[in-house]
Amino acid sequence: MNCRTCSMKSAMPGLWPQAGTLRDGVILTVVACHARVMGVCARRGDNGNNVRGAARGCRAATAKRRDLSRLPIPLQCAPMDSTSVPAQPQKAKRRLYEAVFETLASEILTNVLPPGSALPVDMVLSQRFAVSRTVIRETIQVLASVGLVDVRHGAGTYVNDSQHWDLLDPHLLNLIGKTGTIGLLIDDLLDIRRMFEVEATGLAAKRATRQEVDELQALVDRMRDPAATEQDHLDLNLEFHSLLVQASHNRILRGLREQLRGVLSVMMNARQSQADAEMRIVSTAMHQMIVDSIRERRPDRARAVMLAHVQGAERSLQQRED
């Protein structure tokens, strides 16, 4: 429907009022949608020219007419219906960006985009992923924030080598686990695990509550269940080591464990996948010795047993690599 005032077509027909008033040969039309949304004039002379009052609200336009004080204002400016122009859902936008980030980061981690190579320009990436260039720019900013790329203004965006990666970023660590590129970090992860899990076990022997000791024991008992599957053993193993760090009552160690959860899961899974029944029996026995040391408040023995356990895991992974 066309506006009788300015002949513009309404973008929102549902908002059109019935608001024409004739006075002294001048047609006053109060059009809420134009006055409030599109900012066009709400007044025109009887000869079709003399357009005045552009971008004024309907009430202001009415008040400026000298002889209309006795007339009721035909229509108050109605607020625009917020449902008429739906905003883009923020969650959908985040999902879009995350999908692009995960794909590009995976290509960097798997060497599809090797160190030193240039990322395609924004327009090419935008066409490839069918997203706006804004989403691409946001993605590149996040890639740069975790050290995967180097943005050189005016020269392009280039892939960094692993020495620049932020390996404490949980999203990047989880992606390393998901893409199966943990081999890039295996030596570093084994060093970290040896340091913080051994010490966490010693602290747990000093600080664990009786309830935490009972929970650790319950996990070991479930490991002994003949009906437990290979996946059950993996899940119980992960839960045991997580609870062990929690029992240390050291907030930094607990936070570090949470950040490493994804890659540690992949690393333990790699070891568990090649473990036979005999190896699982040995592993369960080691877990029992750890629990006994914690229950008896023997931190030195607890550390020694955990160190032997971690070194056994290292040997298993090295054999797998060979």
Protein backbone atom coordinates (compact mmCIF):
# COMPACT_ATOMS: atom_id res chain seq x y z
CA MET A 1 0.00 0.00 0.00
CA ASN A 2 1.33 3.51 -0.88
CA CYS A 3 1.57 6.33 1.63
CA ARG A 4 -0.88 9.13 0.76
CA THR A 5 1.69 11.58 2.08
CA CYS A 6 4.86 10.75 0.21
CA SER A 7 3.84 8.00 -2.25
CA MET A 8 6.37 5.60 -0.75
CA LYS A 9 5.48 1.98 -0.42
CA SER A 10 5.23 0.64 3.10
CA ALA A 11 7.71 -2.01 4.11
CA MET A 12 5.34 -3.02 6.91
CA PRO A 13 1.73 -2.93 5.67
CA GLY A 14 0.46 -4.09 9.04
CA LEU A 15 1.50 -0.78 10.60
CA TRP A 16 -0.49 1.50 8.26
CA PRO A 17 -3.00 3.67 10.14
CA GLN A 18 -6.20 5.19 8.82
CA ALA A 19 -5.19 8.76 9.52
CA GLY A 20 -6.24 11.36 6.93
CA THR A 21 -7.62 14.78 7.99
CA LEU A 22 -8.80 17.54 5.62
CA ARG A 23 -8.51 21.15 6.81
CA ASP A 24 -8.39 24.34 4.72
CA GLY A 25 -7.56 22.38 1.57
CA VAL A 26 -4.52 20.75 3.15
CA ILE A 27 -4.36 17.02 3.69
CA LEU A 28 -2.60 16.00 6.88
CA THR A 29 -1.67 12.38 7.01
CA VAL A 30 -0.19 10.83 10.08
CA VAL A 31 1.78 7.81 9.11
CA ALA A 32 3.44 6.19 12.08
CA CYS A 33 5.54 3.77 10.11
CA HIS A 34 7.12 6.50 7.95
CA ALA A 35 7.49 9.09 10.69
CA ARG A 36 9.08 6.69 13.13
CA VAL A 37 10.82 4.13 10.95
CA MET A 38 11.67 5.65 7.58
CA GLY A 39 11.93 9.31 8.60
CA VAL A 40 10.00 10.76 5.67
CA CYS A 41 7.76 13.78 5.76
CA ALA A 42 4.30 13.58 7.25
CA ARG A 43 2.88 16.58 5.46
CA ARG A 44 2.24 17.62 1.84
CA GLY A 45 0.46 20.58 0.30
CA ASP A 46 -2.74 20.20 -1.70
CA ASN A 47 -0.93 20.66 -5.00
CA GLY A 48 1.40 17.73 -4.47
CA ASN A 49 4.45 19.95 -3.93
CA ASN A 50 5.65 21.97 -0.94
CA VAL A 51 7.03 18.98 0.95
CA ARG A 52 8.00 20.04 4.44
CA GLY A 53 8.82 18.57 7.79
CA ALA A 54 11.06 15.76 6.56
CA ALA A 55 12.15 13.25 9.18
CA ARG A 56 9.74 14.63 11.81
CA GLY A 57 7.48 12.58 14.00
CA CYS A 58 3.77 12.62 13.34
CA ARG A 59 2.91 14.56 16.51
CA ALA A 60 5.48 17.25 15.75
CA ALA A 61 4.13 17.62 12.22
CA THR A 62 0.57 17.97 13.51
CA ALA A 63 1.50 20.57 16.15
CA LYS A 64 3.03 22.87 13.52
CA ARG A 65 -0.30 23.37 11.75
CA ARG A 66 -1.75 26.61 13.07
CA ASP A 67 -5.46 25.86 12.84
CA LEU A 68 -5.51 22.26 13.96
CA SER A 69 -5.43 22.77 17.73
CA ARG A 70 -9.16 22.06 17.88
CA LEU A 71 -8.82 18.81 15.99
CA PRO A 72 -7.94 15.58 17.75
CA ILE A 73 -4.71 14.00 16.74
CA PRO A 74 -5.89 11.14 14.55
CA LEU A 75 -3.30 8.67 15.65
CA GLN A 76 -0.53 8.55 18.16
CA CYS A 77 2.79 7.31 16.87
CA ALA A 78 2.73 3.64 17.63
CA PRO A 79 5.98 1.97 18.57
CA MET A 80 7.28 -0.36 15.93
CA ASP A 81 6.48 -3.98 16.54
CA SER A 82 9.76 -5.56 17.62
CA THR A 83 8.78 -8.76 15.89
CA SER A 84 8.56 -7.06 12.50
CA VAL A 85 12.33 -7.03 11.96
CA PRO A 86 13.75 -10.09 13.70
CA ALA A 87 17.36 -9.82 14.78
CA GLN A 88 19.82 -12.48 13.80
CA PRO A 89 20.07 -14.98 16.64
CA GLN A 90 23.40 -14.60 18.42
CA LYS A 91 23.71 -18.35 18.97
CA ALA A 92 23.39 -19.04 15.26
CA LYS A 93 26.12 -16.49 14.56
CA ARG A 94 28.39 -18.13 17.12
CA ARG A 95 27.78 -21.55 15.64
CA LEU A 96 28.65 -20.20 12.21
CA TYR A 97 31.93 -18.73 13.39
CA GLU A 98 32.82 -21.85 15.39
CA ALA A 99 32.30 -24.09 12.37
CA VAL A 100 34.62 -21.97 10.22
CA PHE A 101 37.20 -21.79 13.01
CA GLU A 102 37.16 -25.54 13.56
CA THR A 103 37.61 -26.27 9.86
CA LEU A 104 40.48 -23.83 9.33
CA ALA A 105 42.18 -24.77 12.60
CA SER A 106 41.92 -28.47 11.72
CA GLU A 107 43.54 -27.80 8.34
CA ILE A 108 46.39 -26.03 10.11
CA LEU A 109 46.81 -28.81 12.69
CA THR A 110 46.79 -31.54 10.04
CA ASN A 111 49.23 -29.63 7.81
CA VAL A 112 46.74 -29.11 4.99
CA LEU A 113 47.71 -25.48 5.55
CA PRO A 114 51.42 -25.85 6.41
CA PRO A 115 53.47 -23.31 8.38
CA GLY A 116 54.32 -20.26 6.32
CA SER A 117 51.46 -20.70 3.87
CA ALA A 118 49.05 -17.84 3.27
CA LEU A 119 45.36 -18.12 4.05
CA PRO A 120 43.04 -17.30 1.14
CA VAL A 121 41.71 -13.75 1.17
CA ASP A 122 38.46 -12.93 2.99
CA MET A 123 36.34 -12.96 -0.16
CA VAL A 124 37.50 -16.45 -1.15
CA LEU A 125 36.91 -17.82 2.36
CA SER A 126 33.53 -16.11 2.47
CA GLN A 127 32.48 -17.85 -0.73
CA ARG A 128 33.88 -21.19 0.39
CA PHE A 129 31.99 -21.24 3.71
CA ALA A 130 28.95 -19.28 2.47
CA VAL A 131 29.24 -16.77 5.29
CA SER A 132 29.74 -13.04 5.46
CA ARG A 133 33.17 -11.47 5.42
CA THR A 134 32.48 -10.26 8.96
CA VAL A 135 32.31 -13.88 10.13
CA ILE A 136 35.57 -14.62 8.30
CA ARG A 137 37.31 -11.66 9.94
CA GLU A 138 36.09 -12.75 13.37
CA THR A 139 37.36 -16.27 12.71
CA ILE A 140 40.79 -15.01 11.68
CA GLN A 141 40.98 -12.91 14.84
CA VAL A 142 40.35 -16.00 16.95
CA LEU A 143 42.87 -18.04 14.96
CA ALA A 144 45.41 -15.29 15.65
CA SER A 145 44.50 -15.15 19.36
CA VAL A 146 45.53 -18.81 19.82
CA GLY A 147 48.67 -18.35 17.75
CA LEU A 148 47.66 -20.41 14.72
CA VAL A 149 48.05 -17.53 12.27
CA ASP A 150 49.90 -14.24 11.99
CA VAL A 151 47.91 -11.33 10.57
CA ARG A 152 50.22 -9.01 8.64
CA HIS A 153 48.24 -5.92 7.82
CA GLY A 154 48.48 -5.14 4.15
CA ALA A 155 50.37 -8.35 3.44
CA GLY A 156 47.91 -11.14 4.29
CA THR A 157 47.45 -13.83 6.94
CA TYR A 158 50.04 -16.59 7.33
CA VAL A 159 50.08 -19.90 9.20
CA ASN A 160 52.36 -20.09 12.26
CA ASP A 161 54.40 -23.10 13.29
CA SER A 162 53.58 -24.94 16.52
CA GLN A 163 56.06 -22.89 18.55
CA HIS A 164 53.59 -19.99 18.45
CA TRP A 165 50.46 -21.93 19.42
CA ASP A 166 48.73 -21.19 22.71
CA LEU A 167 48.73 -24.71 24.09
CA LEU A 168 46.92 -23.66 27.26
CA ASP A 169 43.84 -22.69 25.30
CA PRO A 170 41.20 -25.36 26.06
CA HIS A 171 39.48 -25.07 22.66
CA LEU A 172 42.74 -25.59 20.81
CA LEU A 173 43.69 -28.52 23.04
CA ASN A 174 40.32 -30.17 22.50
CA LEU A 175 40.66 -29.67 18.76
CA ILE A 176 44.10 -31.28 18.84
CA GLY A 177 42.49 -34.26 20.52
CA LYS A 178 39.61 -34.39 18.03
CA THR A 179 41.83 -34.17 14.95
CA GLY A 180 44.12 -36.97 16.11
CA THR A 181 47.17 -34.71 15.94
CA ILE A 182 48.17 -35.38 19.54
CA GLY A 183 51.47 -36.82 18.28
CA LEU A 184 52.61 -33.21 17.86
CA LEU A 185 52.46 -32.79 21.64
CA ILE A 186 52.94 -36.28 23.02
CA ASP A 187 56.36 -35.66 24.59
CA ASP A 188 55.25 -32.36 26.11
CA LEU A 189 52.06 -33.91 27.47
CA LEU A 190 53.91 -36.82 29.03
CA ASP A 191 56.27 -34.38 30.74
CA ILE A 192 53.35 -32.35 32.09
CA ARG A 193 51.45 -35.42 33.20
CA ARG A 194 54.53 -36.77 34.97
CA MET A 195 54.99 -33.50 36.83
CA PHE A 196 51.48 -32.60 37.90
CA GLU A 197 49.89 -36.04 38.38
CA VAL A 198 52.77 -37.35 40.48
CA GLU A 199 52.70 -34.28 42.69
CA ALA A 200 48.89 -34.26 42.82
CA THR A 201 48.99 -37.83 44.12
CA GLY A 202 51.40 -36.83 46.88
CA LEU A 203 49.13 -33.93 47.86
CA ALA A 204 46.08 -36.21 47.80
CA ALA A 205 47.84 -38.49 50.30
CA LYS A 206 48.03 -35.49 52.63
CA ARG A 207 44.69 -33.79 51.95
CA ALA A 208 42.11 -36.22 50.58
CA THR A 209 38.92 -36.53 52.61
CA ARG A 210 37.55 -39.88 53.67
CA GLN A 211 34.75 -39.53 51.13
CA GLU A 212 37.24 -38.89 48.32
CA VAL A 213 39.24 -41.98 49.30
CA ASP A 214 36.04 -44.03 49.29
CA GLU A 215 35.14 -42.70 45.84
CA LEU A 216 38.59 -43.61 44.49
CA GLN A 217 38.22 -47.09 45.94
CA ALA A 218 34.78 -47.48 44.36
CA LEU A 219 36.27 -46.69 40.94
CA VAL A 220 38.98 -49.32 41.39
CA ASP A 221 36.35 -51.87 42.42
CA ARG A 222 34.43 -51.16 39.23
CA MET A 223 37.63 -51.64 37.20
CA ARG A 224 37.81 -55.18 38.59
CA ASP A 225 34.33 -56.04 37.36
CA PRO A 226 34.71 -58.88 34.79
CA ALA A 227 31.77 -57.45 32.85
CA ALA A 228 33.51 -54.09 32.35
CA THR A 229 34.21 -53.35 28.69
CA GLU A 230 37.25 -51.67 27.19
CA GLN A 231 35.33 -48.38 27.05
CA ASP A 232 34.30 -48.84 30.68
CA HIS A 233 37.96 -49.15 31.66
CA LEU A 234 38.83 -46.00 29.73
CA ASP A 235 36.02 -44.00 31.35
CA LEU A 236 36.88 -45.29 34.82
CA ASN A 237 40.56 -44.52 34.28
CA LEU A 238 39.80 -40.94 33.25
CA GLU A 239 37.45 -40.48 36.18
CA PHE A 240 40.02 -41.91 38.60
CA HIS A 241 42.78 -39.53 37.52
CA SER A 242 40.41 -36.57 37.51
CA LEU A 243 39.23 -37.35 41.04
CA LEU A 244 42.83 -37.86 42.13
CA VAL A 245 43.74 -34.32 41.09
CA GLN A 246 40.58 -33.02 42.75
CA ALA A 247 41.61 -34.76 45.98
CA SER A 248 44.87 -32.76 45.95
CA HIS A 249 42.78 -29.69 46.85
CA ASN A 250 45.08 -27.53 44.72
CA ARG A 251 42.99 -25.21 42.57
CA ILE A 252 45.75 -24.58 40.03
CA LEU A 253 46.29 -28.29 39.46
CA ARG A 254 42.55 -28.84 39.11
CA GLY A 255 42.30 -26.03 36.57
CA LEU A 256 45.25 -27.41 34.62
CA ARG A 257 43.67 -30.85 34.59
CA GLU A 258 40.43 -29.41 33.20
CA GLN A 259 42.30 -27.64 30.41
CA LEU A 260 44.12 -30.83 29.47
CA ARG A 261 41.07 -33.08 29.76
CA GLY A 262 40.52 -33.44 26.00
CA VAL A 263 44.07 -34.32 24.99
CA LEU A 264 44.65 -36.51 28.05
CA SER A 265 41.53 -38.43 27.11
CA VAL A 266 42.90 -39.05 23.61
CA MET A 267 46.30 -40.03 25.00
CA MET A 268 44.81 -42.49 27.49
CA ASN A 269 42.48 -43.83 24.83
CA ALA A 270 45.45 -44.52 22.55
CA ARG A 271 47.10 -46.53 25.30
CA GLN A 272 43.90 -48.30 26.32
CA SER A 273 43.12 -49.35 22.75
CA GLN A 274 46.21 -51.55 22.66
CA ALA A 275 45.96 -52.79 26.23
CA ASP A 276 45.18 -56.47 26.59
CA ALA A 277 43.50 -58.10 29.58
CA GLU A 278 46.82 -58.61 31.37
CA MET A 279 47.79 -54.96 31.02
CA ARG A 280 44.43 -53.89 32.40
CA ILE A 281 44.95 -56.14 35.42
CA VAL A 282 48.35 -54.54 36.05
CA SER A 283 46.89 -51.05 35.64
CA THR A 284 44.08 -51.81 38.08
CA ALA A 285 46.61 -53.14 40.61
CA MET A 286 48.60 -49.90 40.30
CA HIS A 287 45.46 -47.88 40.92
CA GLN A 288 44.78 -49.95 44.04
CA MET A 289 48.30 -49.27 45.34
CA ILE A 290 47.76 -45.55 44.80
CA VAL A 291 44.50 -45.62 46.77
CA ASP A 292 46.13 -47.61 49.58
CA SER A 293 48.97 -45.08 49.81
CA ILE A 294 46.50 -42.20 49.99
CA ARG A 295 44.40 -43.94 52.62
CA GLU A 296 47.51 -44.63 54.73
CA ARG A 297 48.70 -41.00 54.35
CA ARG A 298 51.99 -42.00 52.74
CA PRO A 299 52.72 -39.23 50.19
CA ASP A 300 56.21 -40.46 49.23
CA ARG A 301 54.94 -43.93 48.43
CA ALA A 302 51.94 -42.46 46.58
CA ARG A 303 54.26 -40.38 44.38
CA ALA A 304 56.50 -43.35 43.66
CA VAL A 305 53.59 -45.57 42.61
CA MET A 306 52.10 -42.86 40.40
CA LEU A 307 55.49 -42.23 38.77
CA ALA A 308 55.80 -45.92 37.96
CA HIS A 309 52.25 -45.89 36.58
CA VAL A 310 52.91 -42.88 34.32
CA GLN A 311 56.20 -44.33 33.09
CA GLY A 312 54.37 -47.52 32.19
CA ALA A 313 51.94 -45.45 30.13
CA GLU A 314 54.86 -43.75 28.40
CA ARG A 315 56.37 -47.08 27.41
CA SER A 316 53.04 -48.25 26.02
CA LEU A 317 52.69 -45.13 23.88
CA GLN A 318 56.27 -45.37 22.64
CA GLN A 319 55.67 -48.98 21.59
CA ARG A 320 52.54 -47.84 19.77
CA GLU A 321 54.50 -45.16 17.91
CA ASP A 322 57.12 -47.74 16.92
